[in-house]
Amino acid sequence: MPLRFYEEMVGELLQEDGLCVLASGLGVHKVLTLLYSQQTEEQRNQITFLVGFQDWQKVALIEEFRAQGCALPLPQDVSTELSSAERLVTYAGGGWLFVTTRILVVDLLSQRVPLRNTAGLIVANAHRITESCGEAFIARLLKEQPWSGHIYGFSDSPQYLSSGFNKVERVLRSLYLPKVYLWPRFHVSVSEVLEAHVPEVIEMTQPLTSSIQAIQEGLLEVMGACLNELRRSRRVDCSELVLENGLFKSFDTIVQRQLDPIWHTVSKRMKQMVYDLRTLRKLAGYLLRYDAITFLQYLETLRASETVNSVWLYATAASDIFEHAKRRVYLLHRANASAADRKRKRAEAPAAGSEVGRSELEAVLEPMPKWALLRDILREIKEELRQQGEQPGGSGAPQVCDVVLVSKDLATGQQLLRVIAEGEEEVMNAKFHKYLAHRAELQQKRLRQRGGKGRGRGRGRGKGKGEPVGVNTASVAYQFADKAMKAGQLAEGEAAALVAEAKAVERTERGAGPRAGQRGSGEVGSRGGQGSRGSRTQGEEKGGSRGVGTGEKAKAVARPETTSTAGNIRPESTFTPGEA
């Protein structure tokens, strides 16, 4: 039996076409199932096109059809796998059809769609509709024909319809819809049903670790600096820009909305401030959603891709953010050998160049605090079920129940399933092994790029803080894999692969060119002279950067401290947390 407010929604749509905007969680698929069941027999035999649906929405709608016991055929999916002849057969059969905008536009323009046998068009995620999108073009093609079908638009993300200027009006005009139907949670019909079935909510809090708190403080400090910069402009209303609300209100959306009419006249620095606010708010959300390794990889990607234009990366608090993010994953105990000791060790063991100045890596692998809380809750549920089975009158066997975990996105849900099935340590160790292998691969790539010999002197010095000689992820990965293999934390095959990768990188490093402080062979210069000194190891003695002979006169480029990475590796690939 459908709920009363679902029946009211469908009744309004059957009276007049329109855009139905629901509160998140009310269930668009339930409304569509009821709409399907209340169509006339003639409409059911005709075609109804479903466009704009994501894959999970298609699955949810089909499962709802099966749960309601509909005797009519389930919606079919018209994809690129079907030829034009097969699509004609499918159209002749009628029913509800999932179809992409590209296929439907081509078939409408080719007049393959029988408009006389077409009952309507249903557009999902209508908040994404623009004047130039495919769904709007389909609605235009249908309305320009002598067609008397229905067009329905659905959206369960009302927050996106409130952004920009006249967003609802543009959606209605693009889909040729005369009316909008709003169904928030405080609607009388909806609130009556929800209040009659109030769930029992137990709110549990988990304290954050000191590193997470330090990162949050750093993010708030940088956000405060960006807000202070925006307050100096007279073009932005700063009444809503309060730092205490920075983690809850969309500052970037508020500022963007105010600057949209004059965006073409806004200075480049102010635009960058808006982008930085968006990035910082995203980081604040990722800090509590993703594990320490995924968060560190995302930070490194930001530093590699946004160093040129970003402002917040050069703030003082940004160094603390990166430092605490690294400490959540590993600690690097660096060797403090003097220059004389390093020179003596090289003379005694010239073949063991990778052993000189090697630093010790300590894997921290801080788990997410919510994982421990989730494990305690599941253990408590299991204990309660066991006690219920042992009570008088019980079966004596442990009871079984379904536990539903609701996560922010698919990546978080998959990670929680892995944590429950494999354990926290296994998940973090596997991620750390991939992280080390990725860093070693980047180091090898950089060594190949620097392997060319050239002219010019490489004795330039910077004022930055350098890294000790020999600190690289290849040797660190080798050391960690060796210890982990001995401790039994790594499988035999995984350990062998990681050690082999590290050894290959170290051999490449030893054979890439002359060692620090020695002369390189070079090529014959244009002046007839011999090529001079090769590149020096970064961080040798006190300099933070060294010139590299590239065929021209070498230049010393000092990098800011915020752009240095552990192991002398600067990420060169893009990464998004969803890939973890």
Protein backbone atom coordinates (compact mmCIF):
# COMPACT_ATOMS: atom_id res chain seq x y z
CA MET A 1 0.00 0.00 0.00
CA PRO A 2 1.69 3.27 -1.06
CA LEU A 3 1.91 6.16 1.35
CA ARG A 4 -0.62 8.93 1.06
CA PHE A 5 1.78 11.66 -0.02
CA TYR A 6 3.02 9.45 -2.89
CA GLU A 7 -0.55 9.21 -4.15
CA GLU A 8 -0.90 12.99 -3.94
CA MET A 9 2.31 13.48 -5.92
CA VAL A 10 1.17 11.17 -8.70
CA GLY A 11 -2.28 12.73 -8.74
CA GLU A 12 -0.83 16.19 -9.33
CA LEU A 13 1.42 14.96 -12.14
CA LEU A 14 -1.45 13.15 -13.89
CA GLN A 15 -3.52 16.34 -13.84
CA GLU A 16 -0.81 18.57 -15.33
CA ASP A 17 2.78 18.06 -16.42
CA GLY A 18 5.41 19.60 -14.16
CA LEU A 19 8.67 19.42 -12.28
CA CYS A 20 8.41 17.38 -9.06
CA VAL A 21 11.05 18.38 -6.49
CA LEU A 22 11.31 16.02 -3.50
CA ALA A 23 13.34 16.22 -0.34
CA SER A 24 16.35 13.95 -0.31
CA GLY A 25 15.49 10.44 0.81
CA LEU A 26 11.78 10.43 -0.02
CA GLY A 27 12.43 8.13 -2.97
CA VAL A 28 11.89 9.11 -6.58
CA HIS A 29 11.76 5.43 -7.60
CA LYS A 30 8.68 4.89 -5.40
CA VAL A 31 6.88 7.78 -7.10
CA LEU A 32 7.76 6.41 -10.54
CA THR A 33 6.53 2.92 -9.61
CA LEU A 34 3.20 4.34 -8.48
CA LEU A 35 2.99 6.49 -11.62
CA TYR A 36 3.58 3.40 -13.73
CA SER A 37 0.83 1.45 -11.97
CA GLN A 38 -1.74 4.25 -12.38
CA GLN A 39 -1.27 4.75 -16.10
CA THR A 40 -4.07 3.75 -18.42
CA GLU A 41 -3.88 0.56 -20.42
CA GLU A 42 -3.28 2.53 -23.62
CA GLN A 43 -0.40 4.46 -22.04
CA ARG A 44 1.21 1.27 -20.73
CA ASN A 45 1.33 -0.20 -24.24
CA GLN A 46 3.00 2.94 -25.56
CA ILE A 47 6.61 4.08 -25.15
CA THR A 48 7.74 6.12 -22.16
CA PHE A 49 11.36 7.25 -22.40
CA LEU A 50 13.42 7.47 -19.19
CA VAL A 51 16.45 9.76 -19.59
CA GLY A 52 18.97 11.20 -17.14
CA PHE A 53 19.05 8.14 -14.86
CA GLN A 54 22.29 6.99 -13.29
CA ASP A 55 23.12 3.28 -13.06
CA TRP A 56 22.22 2.96 -9.38
CA GLN A 57 18.91 4.74 -10.01
CA LYS A 58 18.08 2.26 -12.76
CA VAL A 59 18.78 -0.65 -10.42
CA ALA A 60 16.70 0.92 -7.63
CA LEU A 61 13.73 1.46 -9.95
CA ILE A 62 13.82 -2.10 -11.29
CA GLU A 63 14.08 -3.52 -7.76
CA GLU A 64 11.12 -1.38 -6.68
CA PHE A 65 9.11 -2.70 -9.63
CA ARG A 66 9.85 -6.26 -8.54
CA ALA A 67 9.04 -5.50 -4.90
CA GLN A 68 5.64 -4.07 -5.85
CA GLY A 69 4.85 -7.16 -7.89
CA CYS A 70 4.08 -5.35 -11.14
CA ALA A 71 2.75 -7.77 -13.71
CA LEU A 72 3.85 -5.57 -16.58
CA PRO A 73 7.28 -5.92 -18.21
CA LEU A 74 10.20 -4.28 -16.42
CA PRO A 75 11.86 -1.21 -17.97
CA GLN A 76 14.33 -2.15 -20.68
CA ASP A 77 17.72 -0.55 -21.27
CA VAL A 78 18.36 0.76 -24.79
CA SER A 79 22.14 1.03 -25.05
CA THR A 80 24.73 1.26 -27.81
CA GLU A 81 24.87 -2.54 -27.95
CA LEU A 82 21.58 -2.53 -29.87
CA SER A 83 21.67 -1.79 -33.56
CA SER A 84 19.25 0.58 -35.24
CA ALA A 85 17.12 -2.34 -36.45
CA GLU A 86 16.98 -3.82 -32.95
CA ARG A 87 15.98 -0.47 -31.53
CA LEU A 88 13.11 -0.26 -33.99
CA VAL A 89 11.85 -3.62 -32.73
CA THR A 90 12.20 -2.44 -29.14
CA TYR A 91 10.28 0.76 -29.86
CA ALA A 92 7.50 -1.23 -31.50
CA GLY A 93 7.08 -3.28 -28.31
CA GLY A 94 6.33 -0.22 -26.19
CA GLY A 95 6.78 0.02 -22.40
CA TRP A 96 9.21 2.04 -20.29
CA LEU A 97 12.67 2.34 -21.83
CA PHE A 98 15.93 3.61 -20.31
CA VAL A 99 17.75 5.42 -23.10
CA THR A 100 20.73 7.75 -23.35
CA THR A 101 20.24 11.25 -24.67
CA ARG A 102 22.60 10.67 -27.60
CA ILE A 103 20.71 7.60 -28.86
CA LEU A 104 17.32 9.24 -28.45
CA VAL A 105 18.41 12.43 -30.24
CA VAL A 106 19.77 10.42 -33.18
CA ASP A 107 16.61 8.31 -33.42
CA LEU A 108 14.36 11.38 -33.21
CA LEU A 109 16.28 13.17 -35.93
CA SER A 110 16.28 9.99 -38.05
CA GLN A 111 12.52 9.60 -37.45
CA ARG A 112 12.96 6.09 -36.06
CA VAL A 113 10.84 6.88 -32.99
CA PRO A 114 7.12 6.35 -33.58
CA LEU A 115 5.71 9.53 -32.01
CA ARG A 116 2.14 8.27 -32.30
CA ASN A 117 3.10 5.38 -30.05
CA THR A 118 5.04 7.54 -27.55
CA ALA A 119 3.22 8.31 -24.30
CA GLY A 120 5.75 10.50 -22.50
CA LEU A 121 9.23 11.53 -21.42
CA ILE A 122 10.51 11.24 -17.83
CA VAL A 123 13.63 13.22 -16.94
CA ALA A 124 15.52 12.29 -13.76
CA ASN A 125 17.99 14.56 -11.96
CA ALA A 126 16.27 17.60 -13.43
CA HIS A 127 18.45 19.92 -11.33
CA ARG A 128 21.22 19.29 -13.87
CA ILE A 129 19.19 20.52 -16.83
CA THR A 130 20.57 23.47 -18.78
CA GLU A 131 19.50 25.15 -22.01
CA SER A 132 22.20 23.34 -23.98
CA CYS A 133 21.95 19.81 -22.51
CA GLY A 134 20.68 16.77 -24.37
CA GLU A 135 17.48 16.42 -22.35
CA ALA A 136 16.43 19.98 -23.24
CA PHE A 137 17.09 19.27 -26.93
CA ILE A 138 14.94 16.12 -26.75
CA ALA A 139 12.07 18.05 -25.17
CA ARG A 140 12.37 20.67 -27.89
CA LEU A 141 12.30 18.05 -30.65
CA LEU A 142 9.18 16.46 -29.15
CA LYS A 143 7.32 19.74 -28.66
CA GLU A 144 8.04 20.89 -32.20
CA GLN A 145 6.25 17.80 -33.51
CA PRO A 146 2.49 17.20 -33.44
CA TRP A 147 2.88 15.21 -30.23
CA SER A 148 0.47 15.13 -27.28
CA GLY A 149 2.50 13.13 -24.78
CA HIS A 150 3.52 14.04 -21.24
CA ILE A 151 6.83 15.35 -19.90
CA TYR A 152 7.71 14.86 -16.23
CA GLY A 153 10.79 16.10 -14.43
CA PHE A 154 12.05 14.73 -11.10
CA SER A 155 14.73 15.91 -8.70
CA ASP A 156 15.59 14.91 -5.14
CA SER A 157 18.39 17.48 -4.75
CA PRO A 158 16.59 20.79 -4.12
CA GLN A 159 19.77 22.48 -2.91
CA TYR A 160 21.11 22.60 -6.46
CA LEU A 161 17.98 24.37 -7.69
CA SER A 162 18.63 27.25 -5.28
CA SER A 163 22.02 28.14 -6.76
CA GLY A 164 22.49 30.69 -9.51
CA PHE A 165 19.87 33.02 -10.94
CA ASN A 166 16.41 31.74 -11.85
CA LYS A 167 17.59 28.13 -11.89
CA VAL A 168 14.07 26.71 -11.50
CA GLU A 169 12.74 28.97 -14.23
CA ARG A 170 15.48 27.89 -16.62
CA VAL A 171 14.77 24.21 -15.93
CA LEU A 172 11.06 24.67 -16.54
CA ARG A 173 11.69 26.59 -19.75
CA SER A 174 14.19 24.01 -21.02
CA LEU A 175 11.79 21.08 -20.45
CA TYR A 176 8.67 23.01 -21.53
CA LEU A 177 7.03 22.41 -18.16
CA PRO A 178 4.31 24.79 -16.89
CA LYS A 179 4.44 24.04 -13.18
CA VAL A 180 6.67 22.99 -10.28
CA TYR A 181 5.57 20.75 -7.40
CA LEU A 182 7.50 21.09 -4.14
CA TRP A 183 7.49 18.27 -1.57
CA PRO A 184 9.77 19.12 1.37
CA ARG A 185 9.86 17.13 4.57
CA PHE A 186 7.80 19.76 6.39
CA HIS A 187 4.94 19.36 3.90
CA VAL A 188 1.79 18.51 5.86
CA SER A 189 1.22 15.14 4.17
CA VAL A 190 4.89 14.14 4.47
CA SER A 191 5.37 15.29 8.06
CA GLU A 192 2.28 13.40 9.24
CA VAL A 193 3.65 10.12 7.90
CA LEU A 194 7.17 10.72 9.23
CA GLU A 195 6.03 11.78 12.68
CA ALA A 196 3.90 8.65 12.99
CA HIS A 197 7.00 6.48 12.59
CA VAL A 198 9.72 8.25 14.52
CA PRO A 199 12.85 6.06 14.67
CA GLU A 200 14.91 5.63 17.80
CA VAL A 201 18.16 7.49 17.24
CA ILE A 202 21.25 6.90 19.38
CA GLU A 203 23.94 9.43 18.61
CA MET A 204 27.50 8.38 19.36
CA THR A 205 30.57 10.57 19.15
CA GLN A 206 34.15 9.56 18.61
CA PRO A 207 37.01 11.86 19.68
CA LEU A 208 39.47 12.77 16.97
CA THR A 209 43.17 12.09 17.14
CA SER A 210 45.65 14.88 17.82
CA SER A 211 46.88 14.82 14.20
CA ILE A 212 43.38 15.22 12.79
CA GLN A 213 42.68 18.06 15.21
CA ALA A 214 45.92 19.77 14.17
CA ILE A 215 45.00 19.45 10.49
CA GLN A 216 41.55 20.86 11.18
CA GLU A 217 43.07 23.82 13.02
CA GLY A 218 45.42 24.43 10.10
CA LEU A 219 42.56 24.31 7.60
CA LEU A 220 40.52 26.76 9.68
CA GLU A 221 43.49 29.09 9.94
CA VAL A 222 43.99 29.13 6.18
CA MET A 223 40.24 29.56 5.61
CA GLY A 224 40.29 32.51 8.00
CA ALA A 225 43.11 34.10 6.00
CA CYS A 226 41.12 33.66 2.78
CA LEU A 227 38.01 35.17 4.37
CA ASN A 228 39.98 38.15 5.65
CA GLU A 229 41.23 38.71 2.12
CA LEU A 230 37.68 38.58 0.78
CA ARG A 231 36.43 41.02 3.43
CA ARG A 232 38.70 43.68 2.00
CA SER A 233 36.66 43.69 -1.18
CA ARG A 234 33.53 45.79 -1.37
CA ARG A 235 31.93 43.41 -3.83
CA VAL A 236 31.22 40.64 -1.32
CA ASP A 237 28.65 40.71 1.48
CA CYS A 238 30.56 39.30 4.44
CA SER A 239 27.62 39.06 6.85
CA GLU A 240 27.34 35.29 6.29
CA LEU A 241 31.09 34.68 6.02
CA VAL A 242 31.84 33.62 9.60
CA LEU A 243 34.73 31.25 10.24
CA GLU A 244 32.79 29.24 12.83
CA ASN A 245 30.37 28.19 10.09
CA GLY A 246 33.11 27.35 7.63
CA LEU A 247 32.65 23.58 7.91
CA PHE A 248 28.86 23.72 7.56
CA LYS A 249 27.94 26.46 5.09
CA SER A 250 29.13 26.50 1.51
CA PHE A 251 31.23 29.64 1.61
CA ASP A 252 32.42 29.15 -1.93
CA THR A 253 28.83 28.83 -3.19
CA ILE A 254 27.73 31.95 -1.29
CA VAL A 255 30.60 34.03 -2.65
CA GLN A 256 30.22 32.59 -6.15
CA ARG A 257 26.53 33.50 -6.16
CA GLN A 258 27.34 37.09 -5.21
CA LEU A 259 30.08 37.43 -7.81
CA ASP A 260 28.30 35.72 -10.72
CA PRO A 261 26.92 38.96 -12.26
CA ILE A 262 30.34 40.64 -12.17
CA TRP A 263 32.56 37.58 -12.49
CA HIS A 264 34.18 38.91 -15.66
CA THR A 265 35.35 42.01 -13.78
CA VAL A 266 36.66 40.25 -10.67
CA SER A 267 40.42 40.21 -10.18
CA LYS A 268 42.38 37.03 -10.66
CA ARG A 269 43.41 36.96 -7.02
CA MET A 270 39.82 37.12 -5.78
CA LYS A 271 38.81 34.32 -8.14
CA GLN A 272 41.66 32.25 -6.77
CA MET A 273 40.42 32.92 -3.22
CA VAL A 274 37.03 31.49 -4.16
CA TYR A 275 38.70 28.40 -5.65
CA ASP A 276 40.90 28.02 -2.56
CA LEU A 277 37.89 28.18 -0.25
CA ARG A 278 36.27 25.41 -2.27
CA THR A 279 39.42 23.30 -2.04
CA LEU A 280 39.80 23.85 1.71
CA ARG A 281 36.19 22.91 2.43
CA LYS A 282 36.67 19.79 0.33
CA LEU A 283 39.79 18.93 2.32
CA ALA A 284 37.91 19.38 5.58
CA GLY A 285 35.32 16.86 4.39
CA TYR A 286 37.88 14.38 3.05
CA LEU A 287 39.77 14.48 6.36
CA LEU A 288 36.85 12.80 8.15
CA ARG A 289 35.74 10.57 5.26
CA TYR A 290 38.93 8.95 3.97
CA ASP A 291 41.83 7.16 5.57
CA ALA A 292 45.20 8.74 6.29
CA ILE A 293 46.97 7.37 3.19
CA THR A 294 44.25 8.45 0.78
CA PHE A 295 44.17 11.91 2.34
CA LEU A 296 47.96 12.26 2.05
CA GLN A 297 47.89 11.23 -1.61
CA TYR A 298 45.22 13.81 -2.33
CA LEU A 299 47.28 16.50 -0.60
CA GLU A 300 50.33 15.58 -2.67
CA THR A 301 48.26 15.76 -5.83
CA LEU A 302 47.03 19.22 -4.89
CA ARG A 303 50.57 20.37 -4.25
CA ALA A 304 51.72 19.07 -7.63
CA SER A 305 48.80 20.49 -9.63
CA GLU A 306 47.96 23.78 -7.88
CA THR A 307 51.35 25.05 -6.76
CA VAL A 308 51.52 27.67 -9.52
CA ASN A 309 48.17 29.38 -8.96
CA SER A 310 47.15 28.46 -5.43
CA VAL A 311 47.55 30.96 -2.60
CA TRP A 312 46.79 28.80 0.42
CA LEU A 313 49.66 26.37 -0.30
CA TYR A 314 52.15 29.12 0.58
CA ALA A 315 50.51 29.97 3.90
CA THR A 316 52.36 29.12 7.10
CA ALA A 317 49.64 26.75 8.26
CA ALA A 318 49.86 24.76 5.01
CA SER A 319 53.26 23.37 6.09
CA ASP A 320 51.70 22.12 9.34
CA ILE A 321 48.85 20.49 7.40
CA PHE A 322 51.26 18.55 5.19
CA GLU A 323 53.51 17.63 8.11
CA HIS A 324 50.71 16.23 10.26
CA ALA A 325 49.25 14.39 7.27
CA LYS A 326 52.61 12.65 6.77
CA ARG A 327 52.91 11.79 10.46
CA ARG A 328 49.59 9.97 10.28
CA VAL A 329 51.16 7.64 7.69
CA TYR A 330 54.87 7.34 8.49
CA LEU A 331 57.77 8.83 10.42
CA LEU A 332 61.11 9.31 8.73
CA HIS A 333 64.08 9.12 11.11
CA ARG A 334 66.86 10.75 9.17
CA ALA A 335 70.53 9.92 9.60
CA ASN A 336 72.63 12.75 11.05
CA ALA A 337 76.01 11.74 9.70
CA SER A 338 78.46 14.56 9.03
CA ALA A 339 79.91 15.33 5.61
CA ALA A 340 83.29 13.84 6.61
CA ASP A 341 81.66 10.59 7.74
CA ARG A 342 79.69 10.35 4.52
CA LYS A 343 82.85 10.91 2.48
CA ARG A 344 84.76 8.28 4.49
CA LYS A 345 81.93 5.73 4.10
CA ARG A 346 81.81 6.29 0.35
CA ALA A 347 85.55 5.71 0.10
CA GLU A 348 85.30 2.50 2.16
CA ALA A 349 82.28 1.10 0.37
CA PRO A 350 81.91 2.77 -3.04
CA ALA A 351 79.66 0.03 -4.37
CA ALA A 352 77.10 0.41 -1.60
CA GLY A 353 76.00 3.90 -2.55
CA SER A 354 72.42 3.27 -1.60
CA GLU A 355 73.39 2.29 1.96
CA VAL A 356 75.04 5.62 2.72
CA GLY A 357 72.82 8.03 4.57
CA ARG A 358 69.83 5.72 4.45
CA SER A 359 67.02 6.89 6.72
CA GLU A 360 64.84 4.66 8.82
CA LEU A 361 61.13 4.52 8.05
CA GLU A 362 58.58 3.87 10.78
CA ALA A 363 55.12 3.03 9.50
CA VAL A 364 52.43 4.70 11.65
CA LEU A 365 49.32 3.97 9.55
CA GLU A 366 46.87 5.77 11.80
CA PRO A 367 43.40 4.21 11.34
CA MET A 368 40.26 6.29 11.11
CA PRO A 369 38.70 6.87 14.56
CA LYS A 370 35.25 5.91 13.28
CA TRP A 371 36.48 2.43 12.38
CA ALA A 372 36.98 1.54 16.04
CA LEU A 373 33.55 2.94 16.86
CA LEU A 374 31.96 0.88 14.09
CA ARG A 375 33.71 -2.26 15.30
CA ASP A 376 32.42 -1.67 18.85
CA ILE A 377 28.86 -1.18 17.60
CA LEU A 378 28.92 -4.38 15.54
CA ARG A 379 30.37 -6.28 18.49
CA GLU A 380 27.59 -4.92 20.71
CA ILE A 381 24.91 -5.98 18.21
CA LYS A 382 26.43 -9.44 18.00
CA GLU A 383 26.48 -9.75 21.78
CA GLU A 384 22.83 -8.71 22.08
CA LEU A 385 21.79 -11.28 19.48
CA ARG A 386 23.71 -13.97 21.35
CA GLN A 387 21.99 -13.08 24.61
CA GLN A 388 18.56 -13.14 22.95
CA GLY A 389 19.24 -16.65 21.68
CA GLU A 390 20.22 -17.86 25.15
CA GLN A 391 17.11 -16.49 26.86
CA PRO A 392 14.38 -18.94 28.01
CA GLY A 393 12.15 -19.81 25.11
CA GLY A 394 14.86 -19.01 22.59
CA SER A 395 16.23 -21.39 20.03
CA GLY A 396 19.63 -21.47 21.72
CA ALA A 397 21.38 -20.51 18.48
CA PRO A 398 22.61 -16.96 17.88
CA GLN A 399 20.02 -14.75 16.23
CA VAL A 400 20.64 -13.23 12.81
CA CYS A 401 19.68 -9.75 11.67
CA ASP A 402 20.50 -7.35 8.85
CA VAL A 403 22.71 -4.33 9.58
CA VAL A 404 22.53 -1.42 7.13
CA LEU A 405 25.55 0.88 6.84
CA VAL A 406 24.85 4.24 5.23
CA SER A 407 27.89 6.09 3.88
CA LYS A 408 28.50 9.38 2.13
CA ASP A 409 29.55 7.86 -1.17
CA LEU A 410 30.35 4.55 -2.84
CA ALA A 411 34.11 4.73 -2.14
CA THR A 412 33.53 5.13 1.60
CA GLY A 413 31.05 2.25 1.64
CA GLN A 414 33.46 -0.08 -0.15
CA GLN A 415 36.24 0.87 2.24
CA LEU A 416 34.04 0.13 5.28
CA LEU A 417 33.17 -3.28 3.84
CA ARG A 418 36.88 -4.05 3.45
CA VAL A 419 37.59 -2.93 7.02
CA ILE A 420 34.83 -5.18 8.37
CA ALA A 421 35.86 -8.18 6.27
CA GLU A 422 39.68 -7.92 6.42
CA GLY A 423 40.45 -5.77 9.45
CA GLU A 424 41.99 -2.34 9.87
CA GLU A 425 45.62 -3.43 9.78
CA GLU A 426 45.26 -5.45 6.59
CA VAL A 427 43.53 -2.60 4.77
CA MET A 428 46.06 0.02 5.87
CA ASN A 429 49.05 -2.21 5.09
CA ALA A 430 47.74 -2.94 1.60
CA LYS A 431 47.23 0.77 0.94
CA PHE A 432 50.68 1.58 2.30
CA HIS A 433 52.34 -0.99 0.03
CA LYS A 434 50.62 0.54 -3.00
CA TYR A 435 51.63 4.00 -1.81
CA LEU A 436 55.30 3.03 -1.51
CA ALA A 437 55.28 1.34 -4.90
CA HIS A 438 53.69 4.43 -6.44
CA ARG A 439 56.31 6.69 -4.89
CA ALA A 440 59.13 4.43 -6.07
CA GLU A 441 57.68 4.49 -9.59
CA LEU A 442 57.59 8.29 -9.55
CA GLN A 443 61.18 8.39 -8.29
CA GLN A 444 62.28 6.10 -11.11
CA LYS A 445 60.48 8.31 -13.61
CA ARG A 446 62.24 11.41 -12.30
CA LEU A 447 65.61 9.65 -12.43
CA ARG A 448 65.02 8.73 -16.07
CA GLN A 449 64.16 12.33 -16.85
CA ARG A 450 67.32 13.56 -15.13
CA GLY A 451 69.54 10.89 -16.63
CA GLY A 452 70.70 13.04 -19.59
CA LYS A 453 74.16 14.59 -19.48
CA GLY A 454 74.78 18.19 -20.39
CA ARG A 455 76.96 21.20 -20.17
CA GLY A 456 77.02 24.02 -17.65
CA ARG A 457 77.99 24.22 -14.04
CA GLY A 458 75.68 22.73 -11.47
CA ARG A 459 76.94 24.57 -8.40
CA GLY A 460 73.98 26.89 -7.85
CA ARG A 461 72.78 27.17 -4.24
CA GLY A 462 69.41 28.02 -2.81
CA LYS A 463 68.33 29.13 0.62
CA GLY A 464 65.74 26.43 1.19
CA LYS A 465 66.01 23.63 3.69
CA GLY A 466 67.44 20.55 1.97
CA GLU A 467 67.06 16.83 2.46
CA PRO A 468 69.93 14.57 3.62
CA VAL A 469 71.95 12.76 0.96
CA GLY A 470 70.57 9.40 -0.06
CA VAL A 471 67.03 9.82 1.31
CA ASN A 472 64.77 8.37 -1.34
CA THR A 473 61.65 6.32 -1.39
CA ALA A 474 63.35 3.45 -3.18
CA SER A 475 65.69 2.69 -0.26
CA VAL A 476 62.89 3.39 2.20
CA ALA A 477 60.58 0.96 0.39
CA TYR A 478 63.35 -1.67 0.37
CA GLN A 479 63.94 -1.27 4.10
CA PHE A 480 60.25 -1.38 4.99
CA ALA A 481 59.60 -4.41 2.80
CA ASP A 482 62.57 -6.24 4.33
CA LYS A 483 61.37 -5.57 7.89
CA ALA A 484 57.77 -6.35 7.06
CA MET A 485 58.73 -9.63 5.43
CA LYS A 486 60.77 -10.67 8.44
CA ALA A 487 57.93 -9.75 10.78
CA GLY A 488 55.46 -11.75 8.73
CA GLN A 489 53.34 -8.72 7.80
CA LEU A 490 53.82 -9.23 4.09
CA ALA A 491 53.02 -12.20 1.94
CA GLU A 492 56.01 -13.78 0.27
CA GLY A 493 55.02 -12.70 -3.23
CA GLU A 494 54.18 -9.14 -2.22
CA ALA A 495 57.43 -8.72 -0.34
CA ALA A 496 59.49 -10.06 -3.23
CA ALA A 497 57.76 -7.73 -5.69
CA LEU A 498 58.26 -4.67 -3.50
CA VAL A 499 61.92 -5.52 -2.81
CA ALA A 500 62.56 -6.11 -6.52
CA GLU A 501 60.99 -2.77 -7.39
CA ALA A 502 63.11 -0.99 -4.79
CA LYS A 503 66.32 -2.68 -5.95
CA ALA A 504 65.59 -1.75 -9.57
CA VAL A 505 65.12 1.88 -8.60
CA GLU A 506 68.34 1.88 -6.58
CA ARG A 507 70.30 0.41 -9.51
CA THR A 508 68.85 3.09 -11.76
CA GLU A 509 69.84 5.72 -9.22
CA ARG A 510 73.43 4.50 -9.01
CA GLY A 511 73.75 4.32 -12.78
CA ALA A 512 71.93 7.58 -13.60
CA GLY A 513 75.06 9.77 -13.49
CA PRO A 514 78.05 10.92 -11.43
CA ARG A 515 77.73 11.06 -7.68
CA ALA A 516 77.36 14.32 -5.83
CA GLY A 517 80.46 16.44 -5.90
CA GLN A 518 82.18 14.54 -8.78
CA ARG A 519 82.72 15.67 -12.31
CA GLY A 520 80.49 14.41 -15.10
CA SER A 521 81.75 13.51 -18.52
CA GLY A 522 79.30 15.76 -20.39
CA GLU A 523 79.25 16.41 -24.09
CA VAL A 524 81.50 18.63 -26.16
CA GLY A 525 80.17 22.18 -25.77
CA SER A 526 79.63 24.70 -28.49
CA ARG A 527 82.81 26.46 -27.41
CA GLY A 528 84.83 23.29 -27.87
CA GLY A 529 85.23 22.75 -24.12
CA GLN A 530 84.55 19.65 -22.07
CA GLY A 531 81.21 19.43 -20.25
CA SER A 532 81.59 20.58 -16.68
CA ARG A 533 80.12 19.40 -13.43
CA GLY A 534 77.02 17.28 -13.31
CA SER A 535 74.06 17.78 -11.03
CA ARG A 536 74.47 17.69 -7.28
CA THR A 537 72.31 15.69 -4.93
CA GLN A 538 69.52 17.85 -3.55
CA GLY A 539 70.07 18.89 0.05
CA GLU A 540 73.85 18.17 0.15
CA GLU A 541 75.60 20.27 2.74
CA LYS A 542 73.26 23.21 3.44
CA GLY A 543 71.75 24.16 0.11
CA GLY A 544 68.08 23.47 -0.55
CA SER A 545 68.43 23.25 -4.32
CA ARG A 546 71.15 22.57 -6.84
CA GLY A 547 71.63 23.45 -10.48
CA VAL A 548 71.28 20.69 -13.01
CA GLY A 549 73.38 20.60 -16.20
CA THR A 550 70.93 20.55 -19.09
CA GLY A 551 73.01 21.67 -22.04
CA GLU A 552 72.70 25.33 -21.08
CA LYS A 553 74.00 27.28 -18.17
CA ALA A 554 72.51 25.68 -15.08
CA LYS A 555 70.31 27.76 -12.81
CA ALA A 556 69.66 27.29 -9.10
CA VAL A 557 65.94 27.40 -8.37
CA ALA A 558 65.01 27.58 -4.71
CA ARG A 559 61.70 25.96 -3.91
CA PRO A 560 59.53 26.94 -0.96
CA GLU A 561 59.53 24.57 1.97
CA THR A 562 55.88 23.72 1.45
CA THR A 563 56.68 22.05 -1.83
CA SER A 564 59.18 19.54 -0.45
CA THR A 565 58.10 15.94 -0.03
CA ALA A 566 59.48 13.10 1.99
CA GLY A 567 61.95 11.08 0.05
CA ASN A 568 62.71 13.90 -2.43
CA ILE A 569 59.72 12.92 -4.53
CA ARG A 570 57.34 15.39 -6.01
CA PRO A 571 54.11 13.77 -7.18
CA GLU A 572 53.68 13.93 -10.91
CA SER A 573 50.36 12.20 -11.36
CA THR A 574 46.81 13.16 -10.53
CA PHE A 575 44.83 11.40 -7.85
CA THR A 576 41.28 11.58 -6.57
CA PRO A 577 40.12 9.99 -3.34
CA GLY A 578 37.49 7.99 -5.13
CA GLU A 579 40.27 5.93 -6.75
CA ALA A 580 41.48 4.60 -3.44
